[in-house]
Amino acid sequence: MRQASTKLVSAVIATAAILFTTVAAAQKPGGTLRITHRDNPPSASIHEEATISTVMPFMSVYNNLVVFDPATKQNAPDKIVPELATAWKWNADGTQLTFTLRDDVKWHDGKPFTSADVKCTWENLKGGPDAKLRKNPRKIWYFNLKEVTTNGDREATFHLERQQPSILTMLAGGMSPVYPCHVSAAQMRTKPIGTGPFKFVELKQNESMKVVRNPDYWKPGRPYLDAIEFNIIPSRATSVLAFVSGKFDMTFTAELTPPMMKQVIAQAPKAICEMLPTNTQVNLLVNREKPPFDDARIRRAMGLSIDRPAFSTILSEGVNKIGGTLLPAPEGLWGMPKEVLADVEGYSPDIERSREQGRKIMRELGYGPDKPLRIKLSTRNIPSYRDAAVILLDHLKQVHIEAELEPLDTAVWYTRMLKKDYSVGMNVQGIGIDDPDVVFYETFGCKSERNYTNYCEPEVEKLFEKQSRMTDVEARRKLVWEIDKRLQEDGARPVISHGWGAGCWHPQVRGLNISINSIYNHWRFEDVWLDK
């Protein structure tokens, strides 16, 4: 099945390239693109959120300094193109990155975009004394940024503490927009102002979101659409029926499982569907500071209970891939190869042997069939989380752990995780950028807000630092594999599977191109048009 899914990606890339080139000269302006949405976004402020529920509907409001080339399928460091910047250059020792900025850009309220906005945005993200963000989930991304300085209105320089080649890659993702200095953080949560191709109109909690064409967009001729509307439909079955009936042009990204994609194709045979890696991973969260989970033996027993192939089979008919912390190849640039993964504890194909080891640990701690460890398993109350959590309930029983499911609304879920107000959780973690610096520091850094499991190992952080400095890609990749193996064997945040998901759209939707190694970076919508 994995060979088939790899072939599918190759076919998708080839098909997308053909479509992109054949329709490039035939765009029609006008129309409203209607898309289903899975749940209520916590807010419209991308910098304060960590979910595709915010990024997909609101990325079109903003611009970045640079972006991953929207015409390519794989986000990579050598596929970065200018956006609000026109050019960039490094100094000799790789500690200063200077951007030349556009001089024809206005914010949606008419005020000019300048280098001061760049400086202001990253001062907020660094989290200094004057920072205004209420939440800052990616603050850790900029641990190495000393300051941003300006030279007039059209030049901004990022000064780094030490060499870090990945900083440009981080700036290219959908979670790295430039914010306006003159607009409050509170307003950006509810009525955001950007420089992007679409202007915010409204966000109706639990109902819908709408953006409209920015007539003063700095890129001539873009966007083509008049508006984009997202309607919140929590039930996946209901949203599929609404799409099949033609009420919507497009489904929410990666929301469909393989059986659901088959259902769509059967009922709407002209629909275009792509089943792709999402760079989201199902992982187990264990708060190692809360008894009894401060005992490494219990955490190890929990990890040994997991049957990874069963998760993949049940959730995706075997399409989801098994891997470590980084997205597996060939879609991912940094994932452990099979021969390395096979040597990691907990990834043995002999599931029953692993579970017997787990049961032995629990018996030594005084637990057993007649005296299970009773816990609460928290998860986000959307299908992709709940479905995985139900499977985990059964797996934990195999090592004498009885769990009660606690589904939480999106806003509550993220608040609880940030506050570490949980014991055990079933998580679906989205990786915004396919790069080790992003994944290691954001997920496992001792000072990271998104280090939900409180994993903190100074020796491992030294390895994070070592790989982060490296310019030799192949040498860095081998060190990344060693680090990833250590993280899995430490039970830092056990990875269960890497998700694949489908999105579908009707043939009238043209100019859409979705990445194979992240669902977070291709939602500017400025090249999308409706052929009707």
Protein backbone atom coordinates (compact mmCIF):
# COMPACT_ATOMS: atom_id res chain seq x y z
CA MET A 1 0.00 0.00 0.00
CA ARG A 2 2.90 2.35 0.73
CA GLN A 3 4.31 1.74 -2.74
CA ALA A 4 0.91 2.57 -4.17
CA SER A 5 0.71 5.79 -2.15
CA THR A 6 4.18 6.84 -3.35
CA LYS A 7 3.14 6.19 -6.94
CA LEU A 8 0.00 8.23 -6.28
CA VAL A 9 2.11 11.22 -5.22
CA SER A 10 4.19 10.94 -8.38
CA ALA A 11 1.05 10.83 -10.50
CA VAL A 12 -0.41 13.79 -8.65
CA ILE A 13 2.76 15.84 -9.20
CA ALA A 14 2.75 15.06 -12.91
CA THR A 15 -0.95 15.80 -13.28
CA ALA A 16 -0.66 19.03 -11.32
CA ALA A 17 2.23 20.20 -13.51
CA ILE A 18 0.19 19.58 -16.65
CA LEU A 19 -2.87 21.32 -15.26
CA PHE A 20 -0.82 24.27 -14.02
CA THR A 21 0.78 24.89 -17.40
CA THR A 22 -2.31 24.29 -19.55
CA VAL A 23 -4.65 26.59 -17.65
CA ALA A 24 -2.16 29.32 -16.80
CA ALA A 25 -3.24 31.56 -19.69
CA ALA A 26 -7.00 31.03 -19.42
CA GLN A 27 -7.94 32.55 -16.06
CA LYS A 28 -11.36 34.12 -15.64
CA PRO A 29 -11.89 36.83 -13.02
CA GLY A 30 -14.85 36.88 -10.67
CA GLY A 31 -16.96 34.52 -8.60
CA THR A 32 -17.07 33.34 -5.00
CA LEU A 33 -15.18 30.20 -3.98
CA ARG A 34 -17.21 28.24 -1.41
CA ILE A 35 -15.35 25.85 0.90
CA THR A 36 -16.41 23.63 3.78
CA HIS A 37 -14.66 24.11 7.13
CA ARG A 38 -14.34 21.52 9.87
CA ASP A 39 -14.59 23.56 13.07
CA ASN A 40 -14.50 26.96 14.73
CA PRO A 41 -11.13 28.77 14.32
CA PRO A 42 -9.80 29.98 17.69
CA SER A 43 -9.14 33.38 16.06
CA ALA A 44 -8.07 34.99 12.76
CA SER A 45 -4.54 35.74 14.04
CA ILE A 46 -2.14 33.25 12.45
CA HIS A 47 0.71 34.25 14.77
CA GLU A 48 -1.35 33.36 17.82
CA GLU A 49 -2.71 30.03 16.64
CA ALA A 50 -1.31 26.60 15.78
CA THR A 51 -4.02 25.06 13.64
CA ILE A 52 -4.88 24.73 9.96
CA SER A 53 -8.38 25.81 11.01
CA THR A 54 -6.96 29.36 11.18
CA VAL A 55 -4.27 29.18 8.50
CA MET A 56 -6.38 27.91 5.60
CA PRO A 57 -9.13 30.57 5.75
CA PHE A 58 -6.90 33.51 6.74
CA MET A 59 -3.55 33.01 4.97
CA SER A 60 -4.99 34.91 1.99
CA VAL A 61 -5.31 38.06 4.13
CA TYR A 62 -1.54 38.30 4.63
CA ASN A 63 1.82 38.27 2.88
CA ASN A 64 5.25 37.00 3.92
CA LEU A 65 8.68 38.39 3.19
CA VAL A 66 9.29 35.22 1.16
CA VAL A 67 7.21 32.14 0.34
CA PHE A 68 7.65 28.63 -0.98
CA ASP A 69 7.15 28.77 -4.71
CA PRO A 70 3.38 28.19 -5.11
CA ALA A 71 3.99 26.36 -8.41
CA THR A 72 6.03 23.56 -6.80
CA LYS A 73 4.70 20.49 -4.99
CA GLN A 74 7.44 20.02 -2.38
CA ASN A 75 8.35 22.87 -0.03
CA ALA A 76 12.15 23.05 0.05
CA PRO A 77 14.90 25.60 0.86
CA ASP A 78 15.81 25.92 -2.83
CA LYS A 79 12.18 26.61 -3.81
CA ILE A 80 11.72 29.97 -2.05
CA VAL A 81 10.61 33.08 -3.95
CA PRO A 82 10.14 36.76 -2.99
CA GLU A 83 6.88 38.21 -1.76
CA LEU A 84 7.03 41.43 0.30
CA ALA A 85 10.78 41.26 -0.16
CA THR A 86 12.23 41.71 -3.64
CA ALA A 87 15.65 40.28 -2.77
CA TRP A 88 17.73 39.01 0.15
CA LYS A 89 21.39 38.39 0.94
CA TRP A 90 23.53 36.89 3.72
CA ASN A 91 26.65 38.43 5.18
CA ALA A 92 29.95 36.55 5.04
CA ASP A 93 29.55 34.52 8.25
CA GLY A 94 25.83 33.75 7.84
CA THR A 95 24.66 35.76 10.85
CA GLN A 96 22.87 38.60 9.05
CA LEU A 97 20.05 38.22 6.53
CA THR A 98 19.08 41.46 4.78
CA PHE A 99 15.84 41.93 2.84
CA THR A 100 15.11 44.59 0.26
CA LEU A 101 11.40 45.42 0.47
CA ARG A 102 8.74 46.40 -2.05
CA ASP A 103 7.79 50.06 -2.19
CA ASP A 104 4.33 49.63 -3.76
CA VAL A 105 2.50 47.85 -0.95
CA LYS A 106 -0.34 49.13 1.23
CA TRP A 107 -2.14 47.60 4.15
CA HIS A 108 -5.84 46.95 3.66
CA ASP A 109 -6.65 50.16 5.54
CA GLY A 110 -4.55 52.20 3.09
CA LYS A 111 -1.48 52.79 5.24
CA PRO A 112 1.91 52.07 3.61
CA PHE A 113 3.89 48.91 4.37
CA THR A 114 7.45 49.68 5.55
CA SER A 115 10.43 48.04 7.20
CA ALA A 116 9.02 49.15 10.56
CA ASP A 117 6.26 46.55 10.16
CA VAL A 118 8.85 43.82 9.68
CA LYS A 119 10.77 44.91 12.76
CA CYS A 120 7.57 45.19 14.80
CA THR A 121 6.32 41.74 13.78
CA TRP A 122 9.47 39.92 14.84
CA GLU A 123 9.87 41.94 18.03
CA ASN A 124 6.44 40.62 18.96
CA LEU A 125 7.34 37.08 17.99
CA LYS A 126 10.58 37.18 19.99
CA GLY A 127 8.41 37.89 23.01
CA GLY A 128 10.21 40.91 24.45
CA PRO A 129 8.86 43.16 27.22
CA ASP A 130 6.71 45.13 24.75
CA ALA A 131 5.29 42.07 22.96
CA LYS A 132 1.53 42.27 22.47
CA LEU A 133 0.62 38.73 21.49
CA ARG A 134 -1.68 36.92 23.89
CA LYS A 135 -0.43 33.54 22.65
CA ASN A 136 2.88 32.95 20.90
CA PRO A 137 3.13 29.25 19.94
CA ARG A 138 6.12 29.74 17.63
CA LYS A 139 8.19 32.04 19.81
CA ILE A 140 10.79 29.28 20.05
CA TRP A 141 11.39 29.50 16.27
CA TYR A 142 13.25 32.75 16.86
CA PHE A 143 15.47 31.72 19.78
CA ASN A 144 18.51 32.60 17.65
CA LEU A 145 17.27 36.02 16.49
CA LYS A 146 19.00 38.88 18.32
CA GLU A 147 17.12 41.71 16.64
CA VAL A 148 15.73 43.12 13.41
CA THR A 149 17.15 46.46 12.31
CA THR A 150 15.98 48.77 9.55
CA ASN A 151 17.78 50.96 7.06
CA GLY A 152 15.15 53.37 5.78
CA ASP A 153 11.69 52.18 4.82
CA ARG A 154 12.85 49.56 2.32
CA GLU A 155 15.46 47.45 4.09
CA ALA A 156 15.29 45.13 7.10
CA THR A 157 18.08 42.95 8.50
CA PHE A 158 17.67 39.88 10.71
CA HIS A 159 20.66 39.61 13.08
CA LEU A 160 21.30 36.09 14.38
CA GLU A 161 23.28 35.00 17.42
CA ARG A 162 24.99 32.33 15.32
CA GLN A 163 24.69 30.76 11.88
CA GLN A 164 21.30 29.14 11.21
CA PRO A 165 20.58 28.30 7.55
CA SER A 166 16.96 27.27 8.28
CA ILE A 167 15.78 30.78 9.23
CA LEU A 168 14.90 31.61 5.61
CA THR A 169 12.91 28.38 5.34
CA MET A 170 10.94 29.32 8.47
CA LEU A 171 10.11 32.72 7.00
CA ALA A 172 8.68 31.08 3.86
CA GLY A 173 5.83 29.21 5.58
CA GLY A 174 2.18 30.14 5.93
CA MET A 175 2.66 30.78 9.65
CA SER A 176 5.16 33.61 9.09
CA PRO A 177 3.15 36.59 7.80
CA VAL A 178 4.12 40.21 8.35
CA TYR A 179 1.73 42.09 10.66
CA PRO A 180 1.00 45.85 10.69
CA CYS A 181 2.56 47.83 13.52
CA HIS A 182 -0.38 50.21 13.73
CA VAL A 183 -3.04 47.53 14.37
CA SER A 184 -3.54 46.04 17.84
CA ALA A 185 -3.09 42.35 18.54
CA ALA A 186 -6.70 42.25 19.77
CA GLN A 187 -7.98 43.49 16.43
CA MET A 188 -5.86 40.98 14.52
CA ARG A 189 -7.73 38.20 16.31
CA THR A 190 -11.16 39.37 15.15
CA LYS A 191 -10.74 41.84 12.26
CA PRO A 192 -7.27 41.31 10.79
CA ILE A 193 -5.53 43.79 8.50
CA GLY A 194 -3.02 42.48 5.99
CA THR A 195 -1.42 43.25 2.65
CA GLY A 196 -2.66 40.06 1.01
CA PRO A 197 -4.83 39.40 -2.04
CA PHE A 198 -8.01 39.20 0.04
CA LYS A 199 -9.50 41.49 2.67
CA PHE A 200 -11.22 40.21 5.79
CA VAL A 201 -14.99 40.71 5.94
CA GLU A 202 -16.34 38.65 8.84
CA LEU A 203 -15.87 35.73 11.17
CA LYS A 204 -19.11 34.35 12.59
CA GLN A 205 -18.29 31.98 15.40
CA ASN A 206 -19.55 28.45 14.67
CA GLU A 207 -20.97 29.61 11.32
CA SER A 208 -18.69 31.04 8.64
CA MET A 209 -15.79 33.20 7.49
CA LYS A 210 -15.56 35.47 4.47
CA VAL A 211 -12.83 37.40 2.66
CA VAL A 212 -13.17 39.55 -0.48
CA ARG A 213 -10.86 40.62 -3.28
CA ASN A 214 -8.33 43.32 -2.41
CA PRO A 215 -8.68 45.80 -5.33
CA ASP A 216 -5.39 47.48 -4.39
CA TYR A 217 -3.29 44.32 -4.23
CA TRP A 218 0.32 45.03 -5.15
CA LYS A 219 0.51 42.10 -7.60
CA PRO A 220 -1.12 43.21 -10.89
CA GLY A 221 -4.07 41.11 -12.03
CA ARG A 222 -4.38 39.15 -8.77
CA PRO A 223 -6.45 37.75 -7.26
CA TYR A 224 -8.98 36.40 -9.73
CA LEU A 225 -11.76 35.56 -7.27
CA ASP A 226 -14.20 38.15 -5.96
CA ALA A 227 -14.55 36.39 -2.60
CA ILE A 228 -13.96 33.21 -0.59
CA GLU A 229 -16.51 31.85 1.87
CA PHE A 230 -15.88 29.10 4.42
CA ASN A 231 -18.87 27.45 6.11
CA ILE A 232 -18.37 25.48 9.32
CA ILE A 233 -19.79 21.94 9.13
CA PRO A 234 -18.44 19.85 12.03
CA SER A 235 -19.78 16.56 10.66
CA ARG A 236 -17.56 15.13 7.95
CA ALA A 237 -20.44 13.07 6.53
CA THR A 238 -22.62 16.17 6.25
CA SER A 239 -19.83 18.20 4.65
CA VAL A 240 -19.25 15.44 2.07
CA LEU A 241 -22.94 15.41 1.16
CA ALA A 242 -22.93 19.21 0.83
CA PHE A 243 -19.89 19.05 -1.46
CA VAL A 244 -21.28 16.22 -3.60
CA SER A 245 -24.56 18.11 -4.03
CA GLY A 246 -22.66 21.07 -5.48
CA LYS A 247 -23.36 23.45 -2.63
CA PHE A 248 -19.61 23.88 -2.16
CA ASP A 249 -16.77 24.10 -4.65
CA MET A 250 -14.16 22.57 -2.40
CA THR A 251 -13.72 20.53 0.79
CA PHE A 252 -11.52 21.50 3.73
CA THR A 253 -7.94 20.38 3.15
CA ALA A 254 -6.89 16.80 3.95
CA GLU A 255 -10.12 16.17 5.85
CA LEU A 256 -11.21 13.08 3.91
CA THR A 257 -10.09 9.55 4.72
CA PRO A 258 -9.55 7.05 1.88
CA PRO A 259 -13.07 5.56 2.25
CA MET A 260 -14.59 9.07 2.22
CA MET A 261 -12.60 10.01 -0.88
CA LYS A 262 -13.94 6.90 -2.61
CA GLN A 263 -17.44 7.92 -1.59
CA VAL A 264 -16.97 11.37 -3.11
CA ILE A 265 -15.60 9.96 -6.37
CA ALA A 266 -18.49 7.48 -6.60
CA GLN A 267 -21.13 10.18 -6.10
CA ALA A 268 -19.38 13.02 -7.96
CA PRO A 269 -17.19 11.27 -10.57
CA LYS A 270 -16.02 14.55 -12.10
CA ALA A 271 -14.62 15.78 -8.79
CA ILE A 272 -10.83 16.12 -8.51
CA CYS A 273 -9.38 14.57 -5.34
CA GLU A 274 -5.80 14.41 -4.07
CA MET A 275 -4.72 11.99 -1.34
CA LEU A 276 -1.46 13.46 -0.05
CA PRO A 277 0.82 13.52 3.00
CA THR A 278 -0.24 16.30 5.34
CA ASN A 279 2.86 16.53 7.56
CA THR A 280 0.57 16.01 10.49
CA GLN A 281 1.32 13.17 12.85
CA VAL A 282 -0.74 11.27 15.39
CA ASN A 283 1.25 11.25 18.61
CA LEU A 284 0.84 10.35 22.23
CA LEU A 285 1.11 13.13 24.80
CA VAL A 286 2.10 12.19 28.34
CA ASN A 287 2.63 14.96 30.87
CA ARG A 288 5.76 13.69 32.57
CA GLU A 289 5.43 16.17 35.44
CA LYS A 290 2.11 14.74 36.68
CA PRO A 291 2.16 11.60 38.85
CA PRO A 292 2.15 8.72 38.11
CA PHE A 293 3.44 9.70 34.67
CA ASP A 294 6.57 11.20 36.17
CA ASP A 295 7.67 7.56 36.36
CA ALA A 296 9.52 6.74 33.13
CA ARG A 297 8.52 3.08 33.47
CA ILE A 298 4.82 3.89 33.02
CA ARG A 299 5.56 6.08 30.03
CA ARG A 300 7.62 3.27 28.49
CA ALA A 301 4.81 0.75 29.05
CA MET A 302 2.37 3.08 27.30
CA GLY A 303 4.67 3.37 24.31
CA LEU A 304 5.08 -0.40 24.12
CA SER A 305 1.30 -0.84 23.89
CA ILE A 306 1.04 0.90 20.54
CA ASP A 307 0.37 -1.12 17.40
CA ARG A 308 1.34 1.38 14.71
CA PRO A 309 0.32 -0.71 11.68
CA ALA A 310 -3.13 -1.15 13.23
CA PHE A 311 -3.56 2.62 13.49
CA SER A 312 -2.62 3.02 9.84
CA THR A 313 -4.92 0.22 8.70
CA ILE A 314 -7.94 1.41 10.68
CA LEU A 315 -7.56 5.14 10.11
CA SER A 316 -6.43 5.14 6.48
CA GLU A 317 -6.63 1.65 4.98
CA GLY A 318 -2.84 1.48 5.32
CA VAL A 319 -2.09 4.79 3.58
CA ASN A 320 -0.73 6.60 6.67
CA LYS A 321 3.00 6.04 7.03
CA ILE A 322 4.99 4.95 10.06
CA GLY A 323 7.95 7.12 10.98
CA GLY A 324 9.71 9.13 13.62
CA THR A 325 9.41 12.83 14.34
CA LEU A 326 10.23 14.00 10.79
CA LEU A 327 8.00 13.29 7.78
CA PRO A 328 9.12 10.06 6.04
CA ALA A 329 10.76 10.17 2.62
CA PRO A 330 10.28 10.63 -0.26
CA GLU A 331 7.72 13.33 0.51
CA GLY A 332 9.64 14.48 3.59
CA LEU A 333 13.18 15.80 3.32
CA TRP A 334 14.47 14.63 6.72
CA GLY A 335 12.64 11.48 7.89
CA MET A 336 14.43 8.37 9.16
CA PRO A 337 14.86 5.66 6.51
CA LYS A 338 13.37 2.22 7.17
CA GLU A 339 16.69 0.64 8.16
CA VAL A 340 17.22 3.26 10.89
CA LEU A 341 13.60 3.13 12.05
CA ALA A 342 13.73 -0.66 12.36
CA ASP A 343 16.33 -0.30 15.13
CA VAL A 344 14.16 2.00 17.28
CA GLU A 345 12.50 0.51 20.38
CA GLY A 346 8.72 0.32 20.02
CA TYR A 347 8.83 -0.02 16.23
CA SER A 348 9.31 -3.80 16.25
CA PRO A 349 6.89 -5.75 14.07
CA ASP A 350 6.46 -8.18 17.01
CA ILE A 351 3.68 -6.17 18.68
CA GLU A 352 2.74 -8.90 21.16
CA ARG A 353 6.32 -9.16 22.42
CA SER A 354 6.42 -5.40 22.98
CA ARG A 355 3.10 -5.50 24.83
CA GLU A 356 4.27 -8.31 27.06
CA GLN A 357 7.24 -6.12 28.01
CA GLY A 358 4.74 -3.36 28.81
CA ARG A 359 2.57 -5.67 30.93
CA LYS A 360 5.62 -6.87 32.83
CA ILE A 361 6.53 -3.26 33.68
CA MET A 362 2.98 -2.54 34.89
CA ARG A 363 2.88 -5.74 37.00
CA GLU A 364 6.13 -4.72 38.68
CA LEU A 365 4.45 -1.41 39.54
CA GLY A 366 1.47 -3.18 41.11
CA TYR A 367 -1.02 -3.02 38.25
CA GLY A 368 -2.75 -5.89 36.46
CA PRO A 369 -6.04 -7.12 34.94
CA ASP A 370 -7.85 -6.76 38.26
CA LYS A 371 -6.13 -3.50 39.19
CA PRO A 372 -5.66 -1.35 36.06
CA LEU A 373 -4.26 2.13 36.08
CA ARG A 374 -7.26 4.38 35.46
CA ILE A 375 -6.61 7.58 33.52
CA LYS A 376 -8.37 10.27 31.51
CA LEU A 377 -7.43 10.55 27.83
CA SER A 378 -7.94 14.09 26.52
CA THR A 379 -8.28 14.91 22.83
CA ARG A 380 -9.57 17.60 20.49
CA ASN A 381 -13.22 17.13 19.59
CA ILE A 382 -12.88 16.70 15.83
CA PRO A 383 -12.97 13.38 13.94
CA SER A 384 -9.27 13.05 13.10
CA TYR A 385 -8.41 13.27 16.81
CA ARG A 386 -11.36 11.29 18.21
CA ASP A 387 -10.92 8.38 15.80
CA ALA A 388 -7.28 7.93 16.80
CA ALA A 389 -8.13 8.29 20.50
CA VAL A 390 -10.69 5.48 20.36
CA ILE A 391 -8.04 3.12 18.94
CA LEU A 392 -5.57 4.16 21.65
CA LEU A 393 -8.11 3.32 24.36
CA ASP A 394 -8.01 -0.31 23.21
CA HIS A 395 -4.22 -0.41 22.91
CA LEU A 396 -3.66 0.91 26.43
CA LYS A 397 -5.91 -1.84 27.81
CA GLN A 398 -3.33 -4.33 26.56
CA VAL A 399 -0.91 -3.08 29.26
CA HIS A 400 -3.48 -2.75 32.05
CA ILE A 401 -4.35 0.92 31.54
CA GLU A 402 -8.05 1.85 31.47
CA ALA A 403 -8.70 5.26 29.91
CA GLU A 404 -11.80 7.45 29.82
CA LEU A 405 -12.09 9.69 26.75
CA GLU A 406 -12.34 13.46 27.30
CA PRO A 407 -13.13 15.31 24.02
CA LEU A 408 -12.46 19.08 24.15
CA ASP A 409 -13.51 21.92 21.85
CA THR A 410 -10.67 23.38 19.78
CA ALA A 411 -10.11 26.55 21.81
CA VAL A 412 -10.23 24.63 25.10
CA TRP A 413 -7.90 21.93 23.76
CA TYR A 414 -5.15 24.35 22.79
CA THR A 415 -5.51 26.32 26.02
CA ARG A 416 -5.23 23.16 28.10
CA MET A 417 -2.20 21.96 26.18
CA LEU A 418 -0.40 25.30 26.51
CA LYS A 419 -1.07 25.32 30.24
CA LYS A 420 -0.01 21.63 30.50
CA ASP A 421 -3.40 21.07 32.16
CA TYR A 422 -3.77 17.41 31.21
CA SER A 423 -2.30 14.02 32.04
CA VAL A 424 -2.52 11.96 28.83
CA GLY A 425 -3.59 13.19 25.42
CA MET A 426 -4.11 11.93 21.89
CA ASN A 427 -2.78 14.59 19.57
CA VAL A 428 -2.63 15.29 15.84
CA GLN A 429 0.37 17.58 15.49
CA GLY A 430 0.69 19.77 12.42
CA ILE A 431 4.20 20.53 11.18
CA GLY A 432 4.18 23.92 9.46
CA ILE A 433 7.67 23.59 7.95
CA ASP A 434 9.47 20.41 6.95
CA ASP A 435 12.71 21.27 8.74
CA PRO A 436 14.42 19.81 11.84
CA ASP A 437 14.86 23.19 13.55
CA VAL A 438 11.11 23.76 13.48
CA VAL A 439 10.21 20.27 14.66
CA PHE A 440 12.92 19.82 17.30
CA TYR A 441 12.79 23.22 18.96
CA GLU A 442 9.02 23.70 18.76
CA THR A 443 8.14 20.20 19.94
CA PHE A 444 10.93 19.35 22.38
CA GLY A 445 12.70 22.58 23.29
CA CYS A 446 12.79 23.11 27.04
CA LYS A 447 11.39 26.64 26.68
CA SER A 448 8.84 25.99 23.93
CA GLU A 449 5.17 26.75 24.59
CA ARG A 450 4.28 23.78 22.38
CA ASN A 451 6.43 21.31 24.31
CA TYR A 452 3.22 19.81 25.67
CA THR A 453 4.91 16.81 27.31
CA ASN A 454 7.48 18.85 29.29
CA TYR A 455 10.34 16.86 27.78
CA CYS A 456 13.61 18.64 28.58
CA GLU A 457 17.02 17.04 28.09
CA PRO A 458 20.00 19.44 27.96
CA GLU A 459 22.20 16.87 26.21
CA VAL A 460 19.61 16.43 23.48
CA GLU A 461 19.29 20.20 23.11
CA LYS A 462 23.05 20.35 22.47
CA LEU A 463 22.44 18.04 19.53
CA PHE A 464 19.61 20.31 18.34
CA GLU A 465 22.13 23.14 18.39
CA LYS A 466 24.77 21.13 16.53
CA GLN A 467 22.51 20.13 13.64
CA SER A 468 21.03 23.63 13.42
CA ARG A 469 24.43 25.14 12.56
CA MET A 470 25.29 22.62 9.85
CA THR A 471 25.45 23.64 6.19
CA ASP A 472 26.33 20.18 4.87
CA VAL A 473 22.84 18.79 4.19
CA GLU A 474 23.78 15.10 4.11
CA ALA A 475 25.81 15.31 7.33
CA ARG A 476 22.99 17.21 8.98
CA ARG A 477 20.45 14.61 7.84
CA LYS A 478 22.41 11.75 9.46
CA LEU A 479 22.66 13.64 12.75
CA VAL A 480 18.93 14.42 12.56
CA TRP A 481 18.22 10.67 12.31
CA GLU A 482 20.32 10.02 15.42
CA ILE A 483 18.44 12.71 17.33
CA ASP A 484 15.06 11.43 16.15
CA LYS A 485 15.94 7.88 17.29
CA ARG A 486 16.88 9.21 20.73
CA LEU A 487 13.61 11.15 21.02
CA GLN A 488 11.50 8.11 20.17
CA GLU A 489 13.35 5.87 22.60
CA ASP A 490 13.06 8.53 25.31
CA GLY A 491 9.29 8.52 24.81
CA ALA A 492 9.51 12.29 24.36
CA ARG A 493 6.31 12.35 22.29
CA PRO A 494 5.78 8.92 20.70
CA VAL A 495 4.83 9.21 17.04
CA ILE A 496 2.13 6.75 16.02
CA SER A 497 1.68 7.54 12.33
CA HIS A 498 2.10 10.26 9.74
CA GLY A 499 -1.22 11.28 8.27
CA TRP A 500 -2.37 11.34 4.71
CA GLY A 501 -5.64 12.99 3.80
CA ALA A 502 -7.66 13.96 0.78
CA GLY A 503 -9.17 17.20 -0.36
CA CYS A 504 -11.60 17.42 -3.26
CA TRP A 505 -12.83 20.16 -5.54
CA HIS A 506 -15.15 20.40 -8.49
CA PRO A 507 -13.65 20.89 -11.98
CA GLN A 508 -14.55 24.58 -12.06
CA VAL A 509 -11.86 25.26 -9.43
CA ARG A 510 -8.64 25.97 -11.32
CA GLY A 511 -5.12 27.07 -10.41
CA LEU A 512 -4.99 25.15 -7.10
CA ASN A 513 -1.70 23.51 -6.11
CA ILE A 514 -1.22 21.71 -2.79
CA SER A 515 2.13 20.74 -1.26
CA ILE A 516 3.14 17.15 -0.49
CA ASN A 517 5.06 17.98 2.70
CA SER A 518 2.82 20.45 4.54
CA ILE A 519 -0.83 21.51 4.43
CA TYR A 520 0.00 24.94 5.90
CA ASN A 521 1.76 26.87 3.13
CA HIS A 522 -0.30 27.00 -0.08
CA TRP A 523 -3.45 28.97 0.82
CA ARG A 524 -2.82 32.44 -0.61
CA PHE A 525 -5.54 31.66 -3.22
CA GLU A 526 -4.31 34.49 -5.45
CA ASP A 527 -3.88 32.15 -8.46
CA VAL A 528 -7.16 30.27 -7.99
CA TRP A 529 -10.05 31.00 -10.36
CA LEU A 530 -13.47 29.59 -11.22
CA ASP A 531 -14.08 28.26 -14.70
CA LYS A 532 -17.80 28.88 -14.93
